[in-house]
Amino acid sequence: MISQFTGVRAFISQPPTIGSRFGGQPVQFVLESLNFDTLVDMLPKFMEEVNNDPRLQFADVNLKINKPEISLTINREKAADLKVSVEDVGKTLQAAFGGQRMGYFLKDGKQYEVIGQLNREYRDKPSDLKSLFVKNADGEMIQLESLVELNEQAVPTSRFRYNRNVSATISAGLAPGYTLGDGNAAMKEIADKVLDENFFTSFTGQSKDLEDSSSSLLYVFLFSILLIYLVLSAQFESFIDPFIIIITVPLALAGALLSLWYFDMTMNVFSQIGIIMLVGLVTKNAIS
């Protein structure tokens, strides 16, 4: 129903049971660069690849280049020919549009600020520059519009930083039948295809939680095996007998992985915790 409304983007997300209780879409990928213009130029190409990937959907980016802005450039050569200093032009613009505080005054026991700027109806449009004049070195009044150039452009509503670099975070949902691991893998593949050596990448949100837990699973598993072996060695007062019990662990893991494959389950945080618990349960049953 929501898709019938123009300009509305909607998606359904479920906060993770384990980990940070943040909202938003599950796949969160951060593009980092040392140069903001380089990042802006690369974003459309990267987003095109993300939107075309069948594993991802509802892709969006937090860096929006949609805020209209008018930049004013002083024509220094023309100002010099008309004997107008750049400082005078700047002071005129500041007095007209800057909202500078000139001082205070007291009235009825209350203190008020004196703000120097044009009224709203005289400073809303670029054409209002026609009403401004600046005095040159000869005392003549020069129309300010003839000394400046206006350039209208789109700029970001806000700029973001990650790891001290300018950044943009791409968020995406998962297509039916795909897991968060598939989404992370898709982002890595697109980054390898599109980005060059001027960019850095990171995961954040649920994607970062998955990457961190996946990278530490092997170390936790090996540490649990070592800890159990040392405890059994102390209990049996032998470094050989515990191997008979430890050898049951690979068989149990094979059964766990086979079950995940058979029931089309994923290797997620829950299954990782279950595998670690399985090591302790198998060794306990082997002892008894």
C-alpha atoms as a PDB file:
ATOM      1  CA  MET A   1       0.000   0.000   0.000  1.00  0.00           C
ATOM      2  CA  ILE A   2       2.782   2.444   0.871  1.00  0.00           C
ATOM      3  CA  SER A   3       4.374   1.978  -2.559  1.00  0.00           C
ATOM      4  CA  GLN A   4       1.343   3.726  -4.096  1.00  0.00           C
ATOM      5  CA  PHE A   5       2.466   7.066  -2.620  1.00  0.00           C
ATOM      6  CA  THR A   6       4.983   9.021  -4.679  1.00  0.00           C
ATOM      7  CA  GLY A   7       8.226   9.849  -2.898  1.00  0.00           C
ATOM      8  CA  VAL A   8       7.675   7.415  -0.011  1.00  0.00           C
ATOM      9  CA  ARG A   9      10.318   4.766   0.753  1.00  0.00           C
ATOM     10  CA  ALA A  10       9.414   2.119   3.299  1.00  0.00           C
ATOM     11  CA  PHE A  11      10.952  -1.115   4.508  1.00  0.00           C
ATOM     12  CA  ILE A  12      10.374  -3.580   7.324  1.00  0.00           C
ATOM     13  CA  SER A  13      13.175  -4.342   9.775  1.00  0.00           C
ATOM     14  CA  GLN A  14      13.368  -6.381  12.959  1.00  0.00           C
ATOM     15  CA  PRO A  15      15.830  -5.274  15.657  1.00  0.00           C
ATOM     16  CA  PRO A  16      18.377  -7.989  16.504  1.00  0.00           C
ATOM     17  CA  THR A  17      17.738 -10.082  19.592  1.00  0.00           C
ATOM     18  CA  ILE A  18      21.456 -10.157  20.443  1.00  0.00           C
ATOM     19  CA  GLY A  19      23.704  -7.145  20.053  1.00  0.00           C
ATOM     20  CA  SER A  20      22.965  -3.439  19.744  1.00  0.00           C
ATOM     21  CA  ARG A  21      19.293  -2.520  19.773  1.00  0.00           C
ATOM     22  CA  PHE A  22      19.541  -0.133  16.834  1.00  0.00           C
ATOM     23  CA  GLY A  23      17.003   0.366  14.111  1.00  0.00           C
ATOM     24  CA  GLY A  24      17.508   0.755  10.416  1.00  0.00           C
ATOM     25  CA  GLN A  25      18.248  -1.728   7.690  1.00  0.00           C
ATOM     26  CA  PRO A  26      20.468  -4.733   8.428  1.00  0.00           C
ATOM     27  CA  VAL A  27      23.265  -4.150   5.898  1.00  0.00           C
ATOM     28  CA  GLN A  28      25.322  -1.071   6.795  1.00  0.00           C
ATOM     29  CA  PHE A  29      28.420  -0.351   4.680  1.00  0.00           C
ATOM     30  CA  VAL A  30      30.609   2.744   5.090  1.00  0.00           C
ATOM     31  CA  LEU A  31      32.588   4.305   2.249  1.00  0.00           C
ATOM     32  CA  GLU A  32      35.491   6.459   3.433  1.00  0.00           C
ATOM     33  CA  SER A  33      37.739   8.816   1.518  1.00  0.00           C
ATOM     34  CA  LEU A  34      40.237  11.567   2.198  1.00  0.00           C
ATOM     35  CA  ASN A  35      38.603  13.826  -0.401  1.00  0.00           C
ATOM     36  CA  PHE A  36      34.928  14.784  -0.278  1.00  0.00           C
ATOM     37  CA  ASP A  37      34.569  15.476  -4.013  1.00  0.00           C
ATOM     38  CA  THR A  38      36.043  12.058  -4.849  1.00  0.00           C
ATOM     39  CA  LEU A  39      33.485  10.428  -2.556  1.00  0.00           C
ATOM     40  CA  VAL A  40      30.590  12.337  -4.133  1.00  0.00           C
ATOM     41  CA  ASP A  41      31.702  11.400  -7.655  1.00  0.00           C
ATOM     42  CA  MET A  42      31.919   7.701  -6.776  1.00  0.00           C
ATOM     43  CA  LEU A  43      28.596   7.395  -4.926  1.00  0.00           C
ATOM     44  CA  PRO A  44      26.229   7.223  -7.960  1.00  0.00           C
ATOM     45  CA  LYS A  45      28.247   4.418  -9.558  1.00  0.00           C
ATOM     46  CA  PHE A  46      28.420   2.475  -6.309  1.00  0.00           C
ATOM     47  CA  MET A  47      24.692   2.896  -5.638  1.00  0.00           C
ATOM     48  CA  GLU A  48      23.883   1.718  -9.176  1.00  0.00           C
ATOM     49  CA  GLU A  49      25.755  -1.532  -8.511  1.00  0.00           C
ATOM     50  CA  VAL A  50      24.005  -1.958  -5.154  1.00  0.00           C
ATOM     51  CA  ASN A  51      20.562  -1.445  -6.692  1.00  0.00           C
ATOM     52  CA  ASN A  52      21.335  -3.992  -9.421  1.00  0.00           C
ATOM     53  CA  ASP A  53      22.491  -6.689  -6.997  1.00  0.00           C
ATOM     54  CA  PRO A  54      19.760  -9.332  -6.529  1.00  0.00           C
ATOM     55  CA  ARG A  55      20.773  -9.963  -2.908  1.00  0.00           C
ATOM     56  CA  LEU A  56      20.003  -6.407  -1.775  1.00  0.00           C
ATOM     57  CA  GLN A  57      16.915  -4.222  -1.822  1.00  0.00           C
ATOM     58  CA  PHE A  58      15.711  -0.807  -0.596  1.00  0.00           C
ATOM     59  CA  ALA A  59      19.242   0.598  -0.831  1.00  0.00           C
ATOM     60  CA  ASP A  60      19.784   4.129   0.433  1.00  0.00           C
ATOM     61  CA  VAL A  61      22.669   6.412   1.434  1.00  0.00           C
ATOM     62  CA  ASN A  62      22.794   9.003   4.206  1.00  0.00           C
ATOM     63  CA  LEU A  63      24.797  11.538   2.171  1.00  0.00           C
ATOM     64  CA  LYS A  64      22.188  13.544   0.250  1.00  0.00           C
ATOM     65  CA  ILE A  65      23.346  16.104  -2.312  1.00  0.00           C
ATOM     66  CA  ASN A  66      20.012  17.911  -2.543  1.00  0.00           C
ATOM     67  CA  LYS A  67      20.316  21.179  -0.655  1.00  0.00           C
ATOM     68  CA  PRO A  68      20.211  24.226  -2.964  1.00  0.00           C
ATOM     69  CA  GLU A  69      22.917  26.790  -2.327  1.00  0.00           C
ATOM     70  CA  ILE A  70      24.043  29.979  -4.041  1.00  0.00           C
ATOM     71  CA  SER A  71      27.743  30.753  -3.929  1.00  0.00           C
ATOM     72  CA  LEU A  72      28.867  34.339  -4.441  1.00  0.00           C
ATOM     73  CA  THR A  73      32.219  35.114  -6.081  1.00  0.00           C
ATOM     74  CA  ILE A  74      33.679  38.597  -6.226  1.00  0.00           C
ATOM     75  CA  ASN A  75      35.005  39.661  -9.623  1.00  0.00           C
ATOM     76  CA  ARG A  76      38.297  41.079  -8.329  1.00  0.00           C
ATOM     77  CA  GLU A  77      39.474  42.465 -11.661  1.00  0.00           C
ATOM     78  CA  LYS A  78      36.268  44.401 -12.237  1.00  0.00           C
ATOM     79  CA  ALA A  79      36.232  45.613  -8.638  1.00  0.00           C
ATOM     80  CA  ALA A  80      39.804  46.897  -9.043  1.00  0.00           C
ATOM     81  CA  ASP A  81      38.867  48.719 -12.261  1.00  0.00           C
ATOM     82  CA  LEU A  82      35.985  50.452 -10.455  1.00  0.00           C
ATOM     83  CA  LYS A  83      38.224  51.222  -7.438  1.00  0.00           C
ATOM     84  CA  VAL A  84      36.206  49.048  -5.049  1.00  0.00           C
ATOM     85  CA  SER A  85      38.110  47.047  -2.452  1.00  0.00           C
ATOM     86  CA  VAL A  86      37.209  43.454  -1.670  1.00  0.00           C
ATOM     87  CA  GLU A  87      37.012  44.410   1.997  1.00  0.00           C
ATOM     88  CA  ASP A  88      34.267  46.951   1.288  1.00  0.00           C
ATOM     89  CA  VAL A  89      32.291  44.370  -0.680  1.00  0.00           C
ATOM     90  CA  GLY A  90      32.574  41.920   2.183  1.00  0.00           C
ATOM     91  CA  LYS A  91      31.485  44.498   4.761  1.00  0.00           C
ATOM     92  CA  THR A  92      28.471  45.455   2.642  1.00  0.00           C
ATOM     93  CA  LEU A  93      27.366  41.826   2.301  1.00  0.00           C
ATOM     94  CA  GLN A  94      27.899  41.201   5.998  1.00  0.00           C
ATOM     95  CA  ALA A  95      25.868  44.241   6.987  1.00  0.00           C
ATOM     96  CA  ALA A  96      23.022  43.286   4.629  1.00  0.00           C
ATOM     97  CA  PHE A  97      22.797  39.515   5.187  1.00  0.00           C
ATOM     98  CA  GLY A  98      25.097  38.517   8.050  1.00  0.00           C
ATOM     99  CA  GLY A  99      22.843  39.330  10.977  1.00  0.00           C
ATOM    100  CA  GLN A 100      25.745  40.862  12.863  1.00  0.00           C
ATOM    101  CA  ARG A 101      25.119  42.010  16.438  1.00  0.00           C
ATOM    102  CA  MET A 102      25.778  45.738  16.634  1.00  0.00           C
ATOM    103  CA  GLY A 103      25.120  46.253  20.329  1.00  0.00           C
ATOM    104  CA  TYR A 104      22.398  46.362  22.985  1.00  0.00           C
ATOM    105  CA  PHE A 105      19.791  48.789  24.260  1.00  0.00           C
ATOM    106  CA  LEU A 106      17.603  48.869  27.355  1.00  0.00           C
ATOM    107  CA  LYS A 107      13.852  49.348  27.309  1.00  0.00           C
ATOM    108  CA  ASP A 108      11.444  48.947  30.196  1.00  0.00           C
ATOM    109  CA  GLY A 109      14.146  47.284  32.244  1.00  0.00           C
ATOM    110  CA  LYS A 110      14.919  44.660  29.575  1.00  0.00           C
ATOM    111  CA  GLN A 111      17.997  44.324  27.389  1.00  0.00           C
ATOM    112  CA  TYR A 112      17.586  43.832  23.625  1.00  0.00           C
ATOM    113  CA  GLU A 113      20.114  43.057  20.904  1.00  0.00           C
ATOM    114  CA  VAL A 114      20.640  45.317  17.906  1.00  0.00           C
ATOM    115  CA  ILE A 115      20.944  43.082  14.807  1.00  0.00           C
ATOM    116  CA  GLY A 116      22.144  44.627  11.585  1.00  0.00           C
ATOM    117  CA  GLN A 117      20.632  43.140   8.410  1.00  0.00           C
ATOM    118  CA  LEU A 118      17.995  43.827   5.782  1.00  0.00           C
ATOM    119  CA  ASN A 119      14.362  42.981   6.412  1.00  0.00           C
ATOM    120  CA  ARG A 120      13.225  39.557   5.237  1.00  0.00           C
ATOM    121  CA  GLU A 121      11.438  40.850   2.125  1.00  0.00           C
ATOM    122  CA  TYR A 122      14.660  42.505   0.911  1.00  0.00           C
ATOM    123  CA  ARG A 123      17.006  39.525   1.315  1.00  0.00           C
ATOM    124  CA  ASP A 124      15.051  36.485   0.131  1.00  0.00           C
ATOM    125  CA  LYS A 125      15.944  36.494  -3.579  1.00  0.00           C
ATOM    126  CA  PRO A 126      19.254  36.732  -5.489  1.00  0.00           C
ATOM    127  CA  SER A 127      17.812  39.708  -7.357  1.00  0.00           C
ATOM    128  CA  ASP A 128      17.829  41.664  -4.079  1.00  0.00           C
ATOM    129  CA  LEU A 129      21.522  42.358  -4.733  1.00  0.00           C
ATOM    130  CA  LYS A 130      20.353  45.038  -7.181  1.00  0.00           C
ATOM    131  CA  SER A 131      19.275  47.170  -4.249  1.00  0.00           C
ATOM    132  CA  LEU A 132      22.740  47.119  -2.665  1.00  0.00           C
ATOM    133  CA  PHE A 133      25.465  49.631  -3.443  1.00  0.00           C
ATOM    134  CA  VAL A 134      29.058  49.963  -2.300  1.00  0.00           C
ATOM    135  CA  LYS A 135      31.155  53.143  -2.252  1.00  0.00           C
ATOM    136  CA  ASN A 136      34.421  53.160  -4.201  1.00  0.00           C
ATOM    137  CA  ALA A 137      37.609  55.143  -3.529  1.00  0.00           C
ATOM    138  CA  ASP A 138      36.233  58.204  -5.385  1.00  0.00           C
ATOM    139  CA  GLY A 139      33.057  58.244  -3.290  1.00  0.00           C
ATOM    140  CA  GLU A 140      30.856  56.953  -6.106  1.00  0.00           C
ATOM    141  CA  MET A 141      28.123  54.388  -5.426  1.00  0.00           C
ATOM    142  CA  ILE A 142      28.606  51.173  -7.405  1.00  0.00           C
ATOM    143  CA  GLN A 143      25.834  48.602  -7.752  1.00  0.00           C
ATOM    144  CA  LEU A 144      26.953  45.444  -5.949  1.00  0.00           C
ATOM    145  CA  GLU A 145      25.364  43.132  -8.515  1.00  0.00           C
ATOM    146  CA  SER A 146      27.882  44.256 -11.132  1.00  0.00           C
ATOM    147  CA  LEU A 147      30.825  43.178  -8.960  1.00  0.00           C
ATOM    148  CA  VAL A 148      29.809  39.635  -8.031  1.00  0.00           C
ATOM    149  CA  GLU A 149      28.918  36.393  -9.803  1.00  0.00           C
ATOM    150  CA  LEU A 150      26.259  34.010  -8.487  1.00  0.00           C
ATOM    151  CA  ASN A 151      26.432  30.263  -8.965  1.00  0.00           C
ATOM    152  CA  GLU A 152      23.534  28.038  -7.907  1.00  0.00           C
ATOM    153  CA  GLN A 153      24.443  24.460  -7.001  1.00  0.00           C
ATOM    154  CA  ALA A 154      23.354  21.498  -4.875  1.00  0.00           C
ATOM    155  CA  VAL A 155      25.291  20.705  -1.702  1.00  0.00           C
ATOM    156  CA  PRO A 156      24.893  18.027   1.000  1.00  0.00           C
ATOM    157  CA  THR A 157      22.533  18.746   3.875  1.00  0.00           C
ATOM    158  CA  SER A 158      25.268  17.517   6.234  1.00  0.00           C
ATOM    159  CA  ARG A 159      28.674  15.890   6.014  1.00  0.00           C
ATOM    160  CA  PHE A 160      29.650  12.726   7.851  1.00  0.00           C
ATOM    161  CA  ARG A 161      32.947  11.391   9.143  1.00  0.00           C
ATOM    162  CA  TYR A 162      34.009   7.876  10.073  1.00  0.00           C
ATOM    163  CA  ASN A 163      37.482   7.033  11.354  1.00  0.00           C
ATOM    164  CA  ARG A 164      38.343  10.720  10.777  1.00  0.00           C
ATOM    165  CA  ASN A 165      37.632  10.388   7.040  1.00  0.00           C
ATOM    166  CA  VAL A 166      34.762  11.890   5.080  1.00  0.00           C
ATOM    167  CA  SER A 167      32.232   9.106   4.705  1.00  0.00           C
ATOM    168  CA  ALA A 168      28.882   7.949   3.375  1.00  0.00           C
ATOM    169  CA  THR A 169      26.942   5.028   4.844  1.00  0.00           C
ATOM    170  CA  ILE A 170      25.036   2.800   2.422  1.00  0.00           C
ATOM    171  CA  SER A 171      22.190   0.875   4.027  1.00  0.00           C
ATOM    172  CA  ALA A 172      20.203  -1.880   2.360  1.00  0.00           C
ATOM    173  CA  GLY A 173      17.698  -4.576   3.133  1.00  0.00           C
ATOM    174  CA  LEU A 174      17.964  -8.235   2.210  1.00  0.00           C
ATOM    175  CA  ALA A 175      16.050  -9.839  -0.615  1.00  0.00           C
ATOM    176  CA  PRO A 176      13.943 -12.885   0.313  1.00  0.00           C
ATOM    177  CA  GLY A 177      16.067 -15.990   0.752  1.00  0.00           C
ATOM    178  CA  TYR A 178      19.317 -14.179   1.534  1.00  0.00           C
ATOM    179  CA  THR A 179      21.077 -13.746   4.862  1.00  0.00           C
ATOM    180  CA  LEU A 180      23.017 -10.911   6.416  1.00  0.00           C
ATOM    181  CA  GLY A 181      26.223 -12.709   5.508  1.00  0.00           C
ATOM    182  CA  ASP A 182      25.138 -12.685   1.845  1.00  0.00           C
ATOM    183  CA  GLY A 183      24.463  -8.942   2.094  1.00  0.00           C
ATOM    184  CA  ASN A 184      27.902  -8.268   3.560  1.00  0.00           C
ATOM    185  CA  ALA A 185      29.518 -10.390   0.867  1.00  0.00           C
ATOM    186  CA  ALA A 186      27.625  -8.437  -1.808  1.00  0.00           C
ATOM    187  CA  MET A 187      28.941  -5.131  -0.458  1.00  0.00           C
ATOM    188  CA  LYS A 188      32.507  -6.463  -0.427  1.00  0.00           C
ATOM    189  CA  GLU A 189      32.218  -7.663  -4.020  1.00  0.00           C
ATOM    190  CA  ILE A 190      30.835  -4.326  -5.199  1.00  0.00           C
ATOM    191  CA  ALA A 191      33.604  -2.454  -3.355  1.00  0.00           C
ATOM    192  CA  ASP A 192      36.287  -4.613  -5.000  1.00  0.00           C
ATOM    193  CA  LYS A 193      34.697  -3.987  -8.390  1.00  0.00           C
ATOM    194  CA  VAL A 194      34.049  -0.237  -8.174  1.00  0.00           C
ATOM    195  CA  LEU A 195      36.421   1.381  -5.675  1.00  0.00           C
ATOM    196  CA  ASP A 196      40.070   2.230  -6.151  1.00  0.00           C
ATOM    197  CA  GLU A 197      42.944   2.744  -3.723  1.00  0.00           C
ATOM    198  CA  ASN A 198      41.622   6.176  -2.685  1.00  0.00           C
ATOM    199  CA  PHE A 199      38.771   4.621  -0.682  1.00  0.00           C
ATOM    200  CA  PHE A 200      38.471   2.740   2.592  1.00  0.00           C
ATOM    201  CA  THR A 201      35.526   0.630   3.676  1.00  0.00           C
ATOM    202  CA  SER A 202      34.027  -0.469   6.974  1.00  0.00           C
ATOM    203  CA  PHE A 203      30.925  -2.167   8.282  1.00  0.00           C
ATOM    204  CA  THR A 204      28.688  -0.706  10.950  1.00  0.00           C
ATOM    205  CA  GLY A 205      25.475  -1.696  12.703  1.00  0.00           C
ATOM    206  CA  GLN A 206      24.309  -5.294  12.449  1.00  0.00           C
ATOM    207  CA  SER A 207      26.801  -5.952   9.650  1.00  0.00           C
ATOM    208  CA  LYS A 208      29.697  -5.026  11.937  1.00  0.00           C
ATOM    209  CA  ASP A 209      28.337  -7.262  14.710  1.00  0.00           C
ATOM    210  CA  LEU A 210      28.226 -10.200  12.303  1.00  0.00           C
ATOM    211  CA  GLU A 211      31.743  -9.559  10.972  1.00  0.00           C
ATOM    212  CA  ASP A 212      33.172  -9.243  14.483  1.00  0.00           C
ATOM    213  CA  SER A 213      31.471 -12.387  15.759  1.00  0.00           C
ATOM    214  CA  SER A 214      32.432 -14.410  12.672  1.00  0.00           C
ATOM    215  CA  SER A 215      36.086 -13.432  12.873  1.00  0.00           C
ATOM    216  CA  SER A 216      36.295 -14.370  16.565  1.00  0.00           C
ATOM    217  CA  LEU A 217      34.401 -17.678  16.297  1.00  0.00           C
ATOM    218  CA  LEU A 218      37.471 -19.709  15.311  1.00  0.00           C
ATOM    219  CA  TYR A 219      39.535 -18.292  18.185  1.00  0.00           C
ATOM    220  CA  VAL A 220      36.748 -18.919  20.710  1.00  0.00           C
ATOM    221  CA  PHE A 221      36.336 -22.477  19.459  1.00  0.00           C
ATOM    222  CA  LEU A 222      40.059 -23.253  19.677  1.00  0.00           C
ATOM    223  CA  PHE A 223      40.287 -21.665  23.110  1.00  0.00           C
ATOM    224  CA  SER A 224      37.343 -23.728  24.367  1.00  0.00           C
ATOM    225  CA  ILE A 225      38.974 -26.943  23.080  1.00  0.00           C
ATOM    226  CA  LEU A 226      42.262 -26.012  24.770  1.00  0.00           C
ATOM    227  CA  LEU A 227      40.534 -25.129  28.030  1.00  0.00           C
ATOM    228  CA  ILE A 228      38.613 -28.415  28.086  1.00  0.00           C
ATOM    229  CA  TYR A 229      41.793 -30.359  27.304  1.00  0.00           C
ATOM    230  CA  LEU A 230      43.672 -28.721  30.163  1.00  0.00           C
ATOM    231  CA  VAL A 231      40.827 -29.339  32.612  1.00  0.00           C
ATOM    232  CA  LEU A 232      40.608 -33.003  31.585  1.00  0.00           C
ATOM    233  CA  SER A 233      44.382 -33.385  31.778  1.00  0.00           C
ATOM    234  CA  ALA A 234      44.317 -32.115  35.341  1.00  0.00           C
ATOM    235  CA  GLN A 235      41.387 -34.346  36.212  1.00  0.00           C
ATOM    236  CA  PHE A 236      42.856 -37.552  34.716  1.00  0.00           C
ATOM    237  CA  GLU A 237      46.448 -36.595  35.536  1.00  0.00           C
ATOM    238  CA  SER A 238      47.381 -37.501  31.966  1.00  0.00           C
ATOM    239  CA  PHE A 239      48.004 -35.683  28.691  1.00  0.00           C
ATOM    240  CA  ILE A 240      46.989 -38.701  26.563  1.00  0.00           C
ATOM    241  CA  ASP A 241      43.629 -39.858  27.965  1.00  0.00           C
ATOM    242  CA  PRO A 242      41.836 -36.542  27.219  1.00  0.00           C
ATOM    243  CA  PHE A 243      42.425 -37.063  23.469  1.00  0.00           C
ATOM    244  CA  ILE A 244      39.928 -39.944  23.560  1.00  0.00           C
ATOM    245  CA  ILE A 245      37.264 -37.507  24.755  1.00  0.00           C
ATOM    246  CA  ILE A 246      38.324 -34.567  22.576  1.00  0.00           C
ATOM    247  CA  ILE A 247      38.051 -36.710  19.421  1.00  0.00           C
ATOM    248  CA  THR A 248      34.273 -36.770  19.865  1.00  0.00           C
ATOM    249  CA  VAL A 249      34.061 -33.016  19.300  1.00  0.00           C
ATOM    250  CA  PRO A 250      34.670 -33.036  15.496  1.00  0.00           C
ATOM    251  CA  LEU A 251      32.002 -35.702  15.087  1.00  0.00           C
ATOM    252  CA  ALA A 252      29.495 -33.593  16.995  1.00  0.00           C
ATOM    253  CA  LEU A 253      30.399 -30.488  14.982  1.00  0.00           C
ATOM    254  CA  ALA A 254      29.919 -32.406  11.753  1.00  0.00           C
ATOM    255  CA  GLY A 255      26.420 -33.326  12.880  1.00  0.00           C
ATOM    256  CA  ALA A 256      25.636 -29.719  13.834  1.00  0.00           C
ATOM    257  CA  LEU A 257      26.803 -28.353  10.487  1.00  0.00           C
ATOM    258  CA  LEU A 258      24.928 -31.076   8.633  1.00  0.00           C
ATOM    259  CA  SER A 259      21.750 -30.142  10.506  1.00  0.00           C
ATOM    260  CA  LEU A 260      22.151 -26.477   9.583  1.00  0.00           C
ATOM    261  CA  TRP A 261      22.551 -27.447   5.926  1.00  0.00           C
ATOM    262  CA  TYR A 262      19.650 -29.925   5.929  1.00  0.00           C
ATOM    263  CA  PHE A 263      17.153 -27.521   7.513  1.00  0.00           C
ATOM    264  CA  ASP A 264      18.458 -24.594   5.400  1.00  0.00           C
ATOM    265  CA  MET A 265      19.564 -22.630   8.456  1.00  0.00           C
ATOM    266  CA  THR A 266      22.289 -19.991   8.562  1.00  0.00           C
ATOM    267  CA  MET A 267      25.497 -19.631  10.537  1.00  0.00           C
ATOM    268  CA  ASN A 268      24.423 -16.737  12.755  1.00  0.00           C
ATOM    269  CA  VAL A 269      25.093 -15.553  16.292  1.00  0.00           C
ATOM    270  CA  PHE A 270      22.661 -18.091  17.753  1.00  0.00           C
ATOM    271  CA  SER A 271      24.171 -21.053  15.916  1.00  0.00           C
ATOM    272  CA  GLN A 272      27.678 -19.928  16.882  1.00  0.00           C
ATOM    273  CA  ILE A 273      26.722 -19.833  20.561  1.00  0.00           C
ATOM    274  CA  GLY A 274      25.107 -23.233  20.169  1.00  0.00           C
ATOM    275  CA  ILE A 275      28.281 -24.740  18.677  1.00  0.00           C
ATOM    276  CA  ILE A 276      30.370 -23.455  21.587  1.00  0.00           C
ATOM    277  CA  MET A 277      27.875 -24.949  24.064  1.00  0.00           C
ATOM    278  CA  LEU A 278      27.874 -28.199  22.082  1.00  0.00           C
ATOM    279  CA  VAL A 279      31.613 -28.628  22.687  1.00  0.00           C
ATOM    280  CA  GLY A 280      31.069 -28.548  26.454  1.00  0.00           C
ATOM    281  CA  LEU A 281      28.053 -30.878  26.334  1.00  0.00           C
ATOM    282  CA  VAL A 282      29.809 -33.457  24.140  1.00  0.00           C
ATOM    283  CA  THR A 283      32.882 -33.598  26.345  1.00  0.00           C
ATOM    284  CA  LYS A 284      30.681 -33.904  29.468  1.00  0.00           C
ATOM    285  CA  ASN A 285      28.759 -36.826  27.966  1.00  0.00           C
ATOM    286  CA  ALA A 286      32.001 -38.453  26.808  1.00  0.00           C
ATOM    287  CA  ILE A 287      33.342 -38.402  30.362  1.00  0.00           C
ATOM    288  CA  SER A 288      30.213 -39.997  31.761  1.00  0.00           C
END
